[in-house]
Amino acid sequence: MQRFAVDTRRPIGHGSFGQVFQGIQRKNNQLVAVKQVKFNMFAEGIPGLGLREISNLGIVTHKHIAKYSHLIERSDTSTDFKDGRLIYADVSPKGSVYIVMEYVDMDLHRYIKVVKNNNDGAALPEPLIQRLSRHLFKGLAHLHMHRIIHRDIKPGNILIDSNQCLKIADFGLSRIHAVPCVPMSFEATTLAYRAPDIILGERLYTAAFDMWSAGCVVAEMARAGDTLFRCRSLNLDQQLEEIFKNLGTPNEDIWPGVSKLPGWKEFEHWEPKQAADLFPGLSVNGMDLILQCLFYPACYRISAARALLHPWLNKHVPHQFPEKLAPYYLDPLIPNPRTMAPTPTPSEDSIVERVQTFVGENRRVVIGAAAAVTALGIGYLVYSRSSGDKGDKKKPGLDEAEIKALPTEDRLKRAAELKSRGNSAYTQRDFELAVNLYSQAIAMSPKPEAVFYSNRAACYTNFKPPQHQKVIEDCTQALKLDPKYAKALNRRATALEAIDNLKDALRDFTALAIIERFKNDAASAAVERVLAKLSTKQAEEIMRAREPRLPSVTFIGAYFAAFRPRPNVILPDYATKGDHMLLEAQEALSESQFTKAHELVNAAIDAGLSENWNEGLGEALNLRGTFKFLMGDTVGAKADFVASTQAHPDLVQSWVKIASVYMELSEAEAAFAAFESAIEKDPNCADIYYHRGQDIYRLVFFILSDFEKAAEDYQKSSRLDSKFVFSHIQLAVAQYKMGDLDSSMASFRQCLLSFPNRGEPYNYYGELLLDQQRFQEAIEKFDRSIEIERQKKILPNPLPLVNKALALYQWQQDLPSATQLCKEALTLDDECDAAVATLAQLSLQQGRVEEAIDMFSKHASIARTEAELVQALSYENASRAQLEFQKNYPDMAGQLAAMAQGMQAPF
């Protein structure tokens, strides 16, 4: 760092993985910001999220995105400028990475305070809010175009320079958005800026995540720095209540599918507040844009690109115009967008319409009647036309013979005129007249024109009620003439969705998204929306018809391995047949014969156990409840565990297991009460603290709090029983999640010394090294774990093979080796869901779509819960739609393959 003078006495800020200091480049006295990321150079390597921050920012350059460096892992680096980005990073021998960035005066949080203090406590002037909002949405639009989701938009991560230019910074939590949408971690933005769908446990999210946060930021500027949804605690329910108190409590009408999100429960009913109270002093258009960012269903939030077309930010755009006319205002080749072909509004009986209508009603309540009248007036000015077309209804048309007698040139001219008059009738919302004119244009034209059929379809969309079948017929005719006609694809897809033909709707929306190279946010959102609806519907039908079944042996084995071994029951005198069957079930379990154990314990209870043998009954109900829990029957498992604790209250394991069931049912208080009951029975039972640590881990991971309590329980579990390997492993993992890399890696190294012949520590250690992108070291650990597992005669663990496959793919894109490893994993357990899912993704990356579909179908067949089934079906349906696209558009198959290769795999 000799090239820079850095003042390390007073940090000017904090990033995801280090402090930020002010520095000066000695050569030219240029001010710079220097982020110092500390790590143990010789043991741990650079934090994975720190690398992600650099790598994601390395692919974007934009005026409203902070200029970041590339990471160069050597101490003798040079300073250079490329593509407008300052390129410099230095690795210190003392264990720090220095990332040099452009210097920006202050963040938005401080900027709002400064302006507020200079204006006697007033908020930012509205023109200034508009300017900064425009900058924010331009930066986000650029990121989203590159498929980067920031995931941490808040005032502290938004910088303002001396020219009042806004720049988005701190990309430590950013992710590349894959298609189809894949689950992401809950490790995301500060709770006050987090969307309610994410708080409720949604993990399949897109750029709409950033748009909610952006709406909160714009609102904060309008509220003089007062956070819109401020909650004083990290409690998720309280944060949701804060949102609902302001925007109103959602239900299935407002937000379809909300009740199926993992964290949903019944909340108190609140009506939405007046917008004048939420955003005091802001214009109606400003309120409207913020509220469009804050739609509850993520798929209906305004996109960043669309926000830039909003009249509050773009005075050249009419205040009201059909939603899908937006692209015309961006296309300079089109001289007059108002004369373009008409576009449809969402059909009234579709879910889209129900949601938008309901939210629209709430927004009318929020904004007030005066605003609605104002908007109506503006809309009237935009759409009103002369009454010249009204006479068209009275004009007689020519018959077929007369039309054929006309010269071709004359017919073309007349057809174009009829189309233009049809467009005019459409904009005046005289849809019957427009249909008549478009029909005349079709009859008049000497050759079929796709646009005529598509425009007529748009009219049928707006009929009361919509004529969906006619929309489909006309769009199908248009697509026969022009298979890549985007408007026709969109209109047919919307109509198909409205009549619940979701498979065909997905086919059309997918084709539209691919043809437009995934740059159409609305099309991508529609794909994900329909994909979710179709997969959820299929999953519900499958779950209703599916017979209960045990999951894979790997899954079952891992669950039972998480409990210390206990002695089998001692049979009573004059034991019954049921008593003997219970003992046989426990013996089968100890030999990993899970199916046999399951059958025997059910038969034992059915046959009946000895009267007053409470210990045996408690053990039998415990084991049967365990199998129910593993098969996804959470309610049945709860009943058995409760009965077990009543029959044999001193059976601590039943208290521990019912606590896990309560956590699965989102009843955290009941779960920890069950743990307390277990402690009362036996305070020295190591299992209690291990599993309480696991449940605390799940809870704090969900709310992004700290992991200290979980770590304390793992330590206590290890003190009570130092020979249980998983307590040591989970302690190291918790320390890693806390950001304490030194302690985590030290714990893993000690674990390897203590358990040199166990494969699990090497596998978990390899996963953490892989997360840090230390690929070679990770593979070495996976190889050692594989070597140990191959020596096992019973239940060898296939997961190290899958992890090594992932490492080889991420490191060297070695698809053949990765594929072979996954296939080997399936020879150990043909229902290993991790191997099946990974092999499916690898097949997709290689363009072997049919193989991928087979694997996704298999993944769906072995999915344990409805949530897992929905995810597997989503991949399968997306792949089927992609395969159908390749068959329907063979000329674009090469382009599709190139686009797929340009996207990162979702692992």
Foldseek 3Di string as FASTA:
>chain_A
DVQKDWDPPDFPAAFPAFTKTWIAGVVPRAIKIKTKHFDDVVFFFGFLLVQVQQVLLVVDDDPQAWAWEHADAAADDDWDDDPNHTHDWHADPVGIIIIITHDADAFQLVVLVVVCVVVVNAFDPLVLLLQALLSVLVQLLRSVLQQKAQQADDRRQWTQHPVRHIHGHHRSPIDRADPPFDFDFLPGYDLLQFALLLLLPDRRDGNLRVLSSSLQRSLCRLVSNDGLQDDPDLDSVSSVVSVCQALWDDDCLQENPPCVRQNDDDDDTHAHAALCVSRPPDDLLSSVLSVLSRRNHSLRRDHSVVSCLACSNDVVHQNDDAPVLVVVVVDPVDPDSLQDQDAADFACQFSVNSNCVVSVVSVCVRHDDVVVVVSVVSLCVSLDDDCVLVCVVVDDADDLVVLVPDDQVVLQVQLVVLQSSLSSCVSVVVLVSSLVSLVSSCSSHPDGALSSLLSNLRSQRPDVRRPLVSNLVSLVVSCVVPVLPLRSLQSNLSSCNSVVVLLVSLLSLLSNCVSVPVSDSSSSSSNNVSLLVVLLVVLVVCVVPDDQDAFWLLVVVVVVLLADDDDADDADPPWDPLSVLQSVLVVCVVVSVPVSSQVSLVVSVVRPTDPPPLQSQLSSLQSNLVRCVRLVNLVSSLVSLVVSCVSPVLPLVSLLVNLVSCVSSVNNVSSVVSLVSSCVSPVLRLSSLQSVLVSVVVVCSSSVDASVSSLVSLVSSCVSPVPSLVSLLVNLVSCVSNVNPVVSSVSLVVSCVVCVLALVSLQSVLVSSVSSVVLVSSLVSLVSSQVSLVPDPPQRQLVSLQSNLVSCCVPPVPLVSSLVSLVVSCVSIVRPLSSLQSNLLSCVLVVVLVSSLVSLVSSLVSDSYSVSNSSSSSSNSSSVSVVVSCVVCVVCSVVVSVSSNVRDGPD
